Amino acid sequence: MSDTPLRPHPLGEGDFAPWFTAQPSMADPIGRSAAAGAIIVLFFLGSAGNPRIAAALATMLSRSALFDDQHASFFGLTVDREDAVTGRIAQRVPGTRYCLD
């Protein structure tokens, strides 16, 4: 995490994501450069304990074959450490990774 103040800059469909590095809960650090050229779904989920978020994640997982790290990757950012501890989220490599913010 950085001490630099965040400036909101909404990304539109097809916009390039800014460079970033994150520490997934169960893997080595990853960055956008690791998936350069692929479609990236970056989901700021808050907590998978929220029923609406859990439903959105279930929908994504029902289409997990789309996320193969060759053409598309899914990155979920959670602020809830309990998401990983309770199994609400889990790394599914290739294609699906979660990071704790």
C-alpha atoms as a PDB file:
ATOM      1  CA  MET A   1       0.000   0.000   0.000  1.00  0.00           C
ATOM      2  CA  SER A   2       1.168   3.490  -0.791  1.00  0.00           C
ATOM      3  CA  ASP A   3       1.051   6.756   1.137  1.00  0.00           C
ATOM      4  CA  THR A   4       0.200   8.553  -2.104  1.00  0.00           C
ATOM      5  CA  PRO A   5      -3.346   9.967  -1.964  1.00  0.00           C
ATOM      6  CA  LEU A   6      -5.730   8.217  -4.306  1.00  0.00           C
ATOM      7  CA  ARG A   7      -7.345  10.212  -7.059  1.00  0.00           C
ATOM      8  CA  PRO A   8     -10.477   8.688  -8.475  1.00  0.00           C
ATOM      9  CA  HIS A   9     -10.154   7.980 -12.152  1.00  0.00           C
ATOM     10  CA  PRO A  10     -12.985   5.860 -13.452  1.00  0.00           C
ATOM     11  CA  LEU A  11     -11.977   3.374 -16.108  1.00  0.00           C
ATOM     12  CA  GLY A  12     -14.267   2.741 -19.021  1.00  0.00           C
ATOM     13  CA  GLU A  13     -14.730  -0.463 -20.948  1.00  0.00           C
ATOM     14  CA  GLY A  14     -11.580  -1.125 -22.940  1.00  0.00           C
ATOM     15  CA  ASP A  15      -9.431   1.342 -20.981  1.00  0.00           C
ATOM     16  CA  PHE A  16      -5.985   0.161 -19.976  1.00  0.00           C
ATOM     17  CA  ALA A  17      -5.656  -0.645 -16.281  1.00  0.00           C
ATOM     18  CA  PRO A  18      -2.920   1.199 -14.398  1.00  0.00           C
ATOM     19  CA  TRP A  19       0.164  -0.800 -13.397  1.00  0.00           C
ATOM     20  CA  PHE A  20      -0.214  -2.403  -9.998  1.00  0.00           C
ATOM     21  CA  THR A  21       1.231  -5.109  -7.798  1.00  0.00           C
ATOM     22  CA  ALA A  22      -0.826  -6.974  -5.234  1.00  0.00           C
ATOM     23  CA  GLN A  23      -0.212  -9.776  -2.776  1.00  0.00           C
ATOM     24  CA  PRO A  24      -2.706 -12.572  -3.335  1.00  0.00           C
ATOM     25  CA  SER A  25      -3.724 -14.358  -0.171  1.00  0.00           C
ATOM     26  CA  MET A  26      -2.196 -17.672  -1.257  1.00  0.00           C
ATOM     27  CA  ALA A  27       0.436 -16.938  -3.927  1.00  0.00           C
ATOM     28  CA  ASP A  28       3.405 -14.814  -4.913  1.00  0.00           C
ATOM     29  CA  PRO A  29       2.940 -11.130  -5.737  1.00  0.00           C
ATOM     30  CA  ILE A  30       1.237 -10.563  -9.054  1.00  0.00           C
ATOM     31  CA  GLY A  31       0.838  -7.514 -11.176  1.00  0.00           C
ATOM     32  CA  ARG A  32      -1.092  -6.347 -14.159  1.00  0.00           C
ATOM     33  CA  SER A  33       1.995  -6.965 -16.269  1.00  0.00           C
ATOM     34  CA  ALA A  34       1.591 -10.698 -15.589  1.00  0.00           C
ATOM     35  CA  ALA A  35      -1.671 -10.588 -17.538  1.00  0.00           C
ATOM     36  CA  ALA A  36      -0.676  -7.960 -20.090  1.00  0.00           C
ATOM     37  CA  GLY A  37      -2.598  -8.297 -23.317  1.00  0.00           C
ATOM     38  CA  ALA A  38      -5.433 -10.295 -21.782  1.00  0.00           C
ATOM     39  CA  ILE A  39      -8.878  -9.129 -20.763  1.00  0.00           C
ATOM     40  CA  ILE A  40      -8.853  -8.414 -17.046  1.00  0.00           C
ATOM     41  CA  VAL A  41     -11.869  -8.332 -14.785  1.00  0.00           C
ATOM     42  CA  LEU A  42     -10.901  -6.374 -11.666  1.00  0.00           C
ATOM     43  CA  PHE A  43     -13.641  -6.659  -9.028  1.00  0.00           C
ATOM     44  CA  PHE A  44     -13.474  -4.499  -5.893  1.00  0.00           C
ATOM     45  CA  LEU A  45     -15.786  -6.696  -3.884  1.00  0.00           C
ATOM     46  CA  GLY A  46     -15.478  -5.305  -0.372  1.00  0.00           C
ATOM     47  CA  SER A  47     -16.503  -8.536   1.363  1.00  0.00           C
ATOM     48  CA  ALA A  48     -17.757 -11.827  -0.033  1.00  0.00           C
ATOM     49  CA  GLY A  49     -19.813 -12.022   3.153  1.00  0.00           C
ATOM     50  CA  ASN A  50     -22.270  -9.618   1.527  1.00  0.00           C
ATOM     51  CA  PRO A  51     -25.062 -11.719  -0.075  1.00  0.00           C
ATOM     52  CA  ARG A  52     -25.132  -9.579  -3.242  1.00  0.00           C
ATOM     53  CA  ILE A  53     -21.368  -9.937  -3.666  1.00  0.00           C
ATOM     54  CA  ALA A  54     -21.582 -13.691  -2.996  1.00  0.00           C
ATOM     55  CA  ALA A  55     -24.224 -13.962  -5.745  1.00  0.00           C
ATOM     56  CA  ALA A  56     -22.026 -12.001  -8.186  1.00  0.00           C
ATOM     57  CA  LEU A  57     -19.057 -14.265  -7.393  1.00  0.00           C
ATOM     58  CA  ALA A  58     -21.223 -17.362  -7.905  1.00  0.00           C
ATOM     59  CA  THR A  59     -22.214 -16.045 -11.334  1.00  0.00           C
ATOM     60  CA  MET A  60     -18.552 -15.432 -12.199  1.00  0.00           C
ATOM     61  CA  LEU A  61     -17.576 -18.922 -11.026  1.00  0.00           C
ATOM     62  CA  SER A  62     -20.322 -20.460 -13.154  1.00  0.00           C
ATOM     63  CA  ARG A  63     -18.415 -19.027 -16.119  1.00  0.00           C
ATOM     64  CA  SER A  64     -14.934 -19.816 -14.809  1.00  0.00           C
ATOM     65  CA  ALA A  65     -13.892 -21.472 -18.082  1.00  0.00           C
ATOM     66  CA  LEU A  66     -13.697 -17.958 -19.562  1.00  0.00           C
ATOM     67  CA  PHE A  67     -10.860 -17.105 -17.173  1.00  0.00           C
ATOM     68  CA  ASP A  68      -7.834 -19.084 -18.404  1.00  0.00           C
ATOM     69  CA  ASP A  69      -5.036 -16.466 -18.101  1.00  0.00           C
ATOM     70  CA  GLN A  70      -4.528 -16.679 -21.863  1.00  0.00           C
ATOM     71  CA  HIS A  71      -7.493 -14.606 -22.949  1.00  0.00           C
ATOM     72  CA  ALA A  72      -8.968 -13.368 -19.675  1.00  0.00           C
ATOM     73  CA  SER A  73      -8.150 -13.188 -15.974  1.00  0.00           C
ATOM     74  CA  PHE A  74     -10.260 -12.385 -12.913  1.00  0.00           C
ATOM     75  CA  PHE A  75      -8.803 -10.463  -9.979  1.00  0.00           C
ATOM     76  CA  GLY A  76     -10.970  -9.908  -6.908  1.00  0.00           C
ATOM     77  CA  LEU A  77      -9.946  -7.397  -4.232  1.00  0.00           C
ATOM     78  CA  THR A  78     -11.370  -7.942  -0.764  1.00  0.00           C
ATOM     79  CA  VAL A  79     -11.021  -5.927   2.437  1.00  0.00           C
ATOM     80  CA  ASP A  80     -12.253  -8.835   4.578  1.00  0.00           C
ATOM     81  CA  ARG A  81      -9.596 -11.275   5.839  1.00  0.00           C
ATOM     82  CA  GLU A  82     -12.387 -13.670   6.788  1.00  0.00           C
ATOM     83  CA  ASP A  83     -13.222 -14.188   3.094  1.00  0.00           C
ATOM     84  CA  ALA A  84     -10.189 -16.441   2.641  1.00  0.00           C
ATOM     85  CA  VAL A  85     -10.274 -17.945   6.148  1.00  0.00           C
ATOM     86  CA  THR A  86     -13.891 -19.072   5.778  1.00  0.00           C
ATOM     87  CA  GLY A  87     -13.509 -20.207   2.172  1.00  0.00           C
ATOM     88  CA  ARG A  88     -15.797 -17.575   0.670  1.00  0.00           C
ATOM     89  CA  ILE A  89     -12.996 -16.918  -1.826  1.00  0.00           C
ATOM     90  CA  ALA A  90     -10.234 -19.192  -3.127  1.00  0.00           C
ATOM     91  CA  GLN A  91      -7.504 -18.916  -5.728  1.00  0.00           C
ATOM     92  CA  ARG A  92      -8.280 -20.911  -8.868  1.00  0.00           C
ATOM     93  CA  VAL A  93      -5.183 -20.860 -11.030  1.00  0.00           C
ATOM     94  CA  PRO A  94      -5.232 -20.359 -13.879  1.00  0.00           C
ATOM     95  CA  GLY A  95      -7.596 -17.480 -14.201  1.00  0.00           C
ATOM     96  CA  THR A  96      -9.028 -16.484 -10.821  1.00  0.00           C
ATOM     97  CA  ARG A  97      -7.127 -14.737  -8.050  1.00  0.00           C
ATOM     98  CA  TYR A  98      -8.042 -12.757  -4.979  1.00  0.00           C
ATOM     99  CA  CYS A  99      -6.013 -10.146  -3.132  1.00  0.00           C
ATOM    100  CA  LEU A 100      -6.453  -8.600   0.297  1.00  0.00           C
ATOM    101  CA  ASP A 101      -6.443  -4.823   0.365  1.00  0.00           C
END
